[in-house]
PDB file of N, CA and C in Angstrom:
ATOM      1  N   MET A   1      46.634  86.141   4.220  1.00  0.00           N
ATOM      2  CA  MET A   1      45.278  86.060   4.777  1.00  0.00           C
ATOM      3  C   MET A   1      44.361  87.026   4.035  1.00  0.00           C
ATOM      4  N   ILE A   2      44.747  88.293   4.019  1.00  0.00           N
ATOM      5  CA  ILE A   2      43.919  89.292   3.338  1.00  0.00           C
ATOM      6  C   ILE A   2      43.831  88.973   1.849  1.00  0.00           C
ATOM      7  N   GLN A   3      44.940  88.506   1.281  1.00  0.00           N
ATOM      8  CA  GLN A   3      44.930  88.184  -0.145  1.00  0.00           C
ATOM      9  C   GLN A   3      43.941  87.068  -0.438  1.00  0.00           C
ATOM     10  N   ASP A   4      43.835  86.082   0.465  1.00  0.00           N
ATOM     11  CA  ASP A   4      42.881  84.989   0.276  1.00  0.00           C
ATOM     12  C   ASP A   4      41.455  85.531   0.252  1.00  0.00           C
ATOM     13  N   ILE A   5      41.167  86.466   1.155  1.00  0.00           N
ATOM     14  CA  ILE A   5      39.828  87.058   1.215  1.00  0.00           C
ATOM     15  C   ILE A   5      39.543  87.839  -0.067  1.00  0.00           C
ATOM     16  N   LEU A   6      40.517  88.635  -0.506  1.00  0.00           N
ATOM     17  CA  LEU A   6      40.333  89.405  -1.733  1.00  0.00           C
ATOM     18  C   LEU A   6      40.133  88.481  -2.924  1.00  0.00           C
ATOM     19  N   GLN A   7      40.901  87.395  -2.980  1.00  0.00           N
ATOM     20  CA  GLN A   7      40.779  86.449  -4.087  1.00  0.00           C
ATOM     21  C   GLN A   7      39.393  85.811  -4.093  1.00  0.00           C
ATOM     22  N   ALA A   8      38.887  85.474  -2.909  1.00  0.00           N
ATOM     23  CA  ALA A   8      37.558  84.880  -2.813  1.00  0.00           C
ATOM     24  C   ALA A   8      36.496  85.866  -3.295  1.00  0.00           C
ATOM     25  N   HIS A   9      36.613  87.121  -2.895  1.00  0.00           N
ATOM     26  CA  HIS A   9      35.669  88.143  -3.348  1.00  0.00           C
ATOM     27  C   HIS A   9      35.760  88.322  -4.855  1.00  0.00           C
ATOM     28  N   LEU A  10      36.974  88.313  -5.382  1.00  0.00           N
ATOM     29  CA  LEU A  10      37.171  88.493  -6.817  1.00  0.00           C
ATOM     30  C   LEU A  10      36.536  87.337  -7.585  1.00  0.00           C
ATOM     31  N   ASN A  11      36.730  86.118  -7.095  1.00  0.00           N
ATOM     32  CA  ASN A  11      36.122  84.955  -7.747  1.00  0.00           C
ATOM     33  C   ASN A  11      34.603  85.063  -7.720  1.00  0.00           C
ATOM     34  N   TYR A  12      34.053  85.500  -6.575  1.00  0.00           N
ATOM     35  CA  TYR A  12      32.611  85.651  -6.437  1.00  0.00           C
ATOM     36  C   TYR A  12      32.081  86.703  -7.410  1.00  0.00           C
ATOM     37  N   LEU A  13      32.749  87.850  -7.476  1.00  0.00           N
ATOM     38  CA  LEU A  13      32.312  88.915  -8.375  1.00  0.00           C
ATOM     39  C   LEU A  13      32.391  88.469  -9.830  1.00  0.00           C
ATOM     40  N   THR A  14      33.448  87.721 -10.164  1.00  0.00           N
ATOM     41  CA  THR A  14      33.595  87.237 -11.539  1.00  0.00           C
ATOM     42  C   THR A  14      32.439  86.321 -11.908  1.00  0.00           C
ATOM     43  N   ARG A  15      32.084  85.412 -10.994  1.00  0.00           N
ATOM     44  CA  ARG A  15      30.962  84.506 -11.270  1.00  0.00           C
ATOM     45  C   ARG A  15      29.661  85.287 -11.364  1.00  0.00           C
ATOM     46  N   LEU A  16      29.497  86.277 -10.478  1.00  0.00           N
ATOM     47  CA  LEU A  16      28.279  87.081 -10.475  1.00  0.00           C
ATOM     48  C   LEU A  16      28.121  87.828 -11.795  1.00  0.00           C
ATOM     49  N   VAL A  17      29.205  88.424 -12.283  1.00  0.00           N
ATOM     50  CA  VAL A  17      29.162  89.156 -13.548  1.00  0.00           C
ATOM     51  C   VAL A  17      28.860  88.211 -14.706  1.00  0.00           C
ATOM     52  N   SER A  18      29.507  87.042 -14.735  1.00  0.00           N
ATOM     53  CA  SER A  18      29.259  86.090 -15.820  1.00  0.00           C
ATOM     54  C   SER A  18      27.799  85.666 -15.815  1.00  0.00           C
ATOM     55  N   PHE A  19      27.268  85.385 -14.629  1.00  0.00           N
ATOM     56  CA  PHE A  19      25.877  84.960 -14.505  1.00  0.00           C
ATOM     57  C   PHE A  19      24.944  86.072 -14.976  1.00  0.00           C
ATOM     58  N   THR A  20      25.217  87.299 -14.547  1.00  0.00           N
ATOM     59  CA  THR A  20      24.379  88.436 -14.937  1.00  0.00           C
ATOM     60  C   THR A  20      24.400  88.638 -16.445  1.00  0.00           C
ATOM     61  N   MET A  21      25.586  88.530 -17.051  1.00  0.00           N
ATOM     62  CA  MET A  21      25.707  88.714 -18.495  1.00  0.00           C
ATOM     63  C   MET A  21      24.936  87.634 -19.242  1.00  0.00           C
ATOM     64  N   SER A  22      25.042  86.378 -18.796  1.00  0.00           N
ATOM     65  CA  SER A  22      24.345  85.289 -19.480  1.00  0.00           C
ATOM     66  C   SER A  22      22.836  85.440 -19.315  1.00  0.00           C
ATOM     67  N   GLU A  23      22.394  85.866 -18.140  1.00  0.00           N
ATOM     68  CA  GLU A  23      20.970  86.100 -17.914  1.00  0.00           C
ATOM     69  C   GLU A  23      20.467  87.236 -18.803  1.00  0.00           C
ATOM     70  N   ALA A  24      21.250  88.302 -18.908  1.00  0.00           N
ATOM     71  CA  ALA A  24      20.863  89.441 -19.741  1.00  0.00           C
ATOM     72  C   ALA A  24      20.785  89.020 -21.202  1.00  0.00           C
ATOM     73  N   ALA A  25      21.724  88.192 -21.648  1.00  0.00           N
ATOM     74  CA  ALA A  25      21.725  87.726 -23.032  1.00  0.00           C
ATOM     75  C   ALA A  25      20.489  86.873 -23.297  1.00  0.00           C
ATOM     76  N   ALA A  26      20.139  85.998 -22.362  1.00  0.00           N
ATOM     77  CA  ALA A  26      18.962  85.142 -22.526  1.00  0.00           C
ATOM     78  C   ALA A  26      17.693  85.992 -22.566  1.00  0.00           C
ATOM     79  N   THR A  27      17.626  86.999 -21.703  1.00  0.00           N
ATOM     80  CA  THR A  27      16.455  87.882 -21.680  1.00  0.00           C
ATOM     81  C   THR A  27      16.336  88.647 -22.990  1.00  0.00           C
ATOM     82  N   LYS A  28      17.461  89.123 -23.506  1.00  0.00           N
ATOM     83  CA  LYS A  28      17.454  89.869 -24.760  1.00  0.00           C
ATOM     84  C   LYS A  28      16.972  88.983 -25.908  1.00  0.00           C
ATOM     85  N   GLU A  29      17.401  87.721 -25.923  1.00  0.00           N
ATOM     86  CA  GLU A  29      16.964  86.808 -26.977  1.00  0.00           C
ATOM     87  C   GLU A  29      15.457  86.601 -26.912  1.00  0.00           C
ATOM     88  N   GLN A  30      14.917  86.471 -25.701  1.00  0.00           N
ATOM     89  CA  GLN A  30      13.477  86.291 -25.548  1.00  0.00           C
ATOM     90  C   GLN A  30      12.729  87.525 -26.039  1.00  0.00           C
ATOM     91  N   LEU A  31      13.252  88.710 -25.727  1.00  0.00           N
ATOM     92  CA  LEU A  31      12.600  89.944 -26.159  1.00  0.00           C
ATOM     93  C   LEU A  31      12.651  90.078 -27.682  1.00  0.00           C
ATOM     94  N   ASP A  32      13.770  89.662 -28.284  1.00  0.00           N
ATOM     95  CA  ASP A  32      13.906  89.770 -29.735  1.00  0.00           C
ATOM     96  C   ASP A  32      12.935  88.847 -30.458  1.00  0.00           C
ATOM     97  N   GLU A  33      12.552  87.728 -29.820  1.00  0.00           N
ATOM     98  CA  GLU A  33      11.639  86.786 -30.468  1.00  0.00           C
ATOM     99  C   GLU A  33      10.237  87.370 -30.563  1.00  0.00           C
ATOM    100  N   ASN A  34       9.852  88.198 -29.605  1.00  0.00           N
ATOM    101  CA  ASN A  34       8.492  88.752 -29.597  1.00  0.00           C
ATOM    102  C   ASN A  34       8.326  89.873 -30.605  1.00  0.00           C
TER     103      ASN A  34
END
């Protein structure tokens, strides 16, 4: 039970980090163009 909750949190954090990294990369590319 607890492991399922931890796994769900881990999956959420992994997606959050991937999303943040991709957003940061896109923002950096936009800044480099200017």
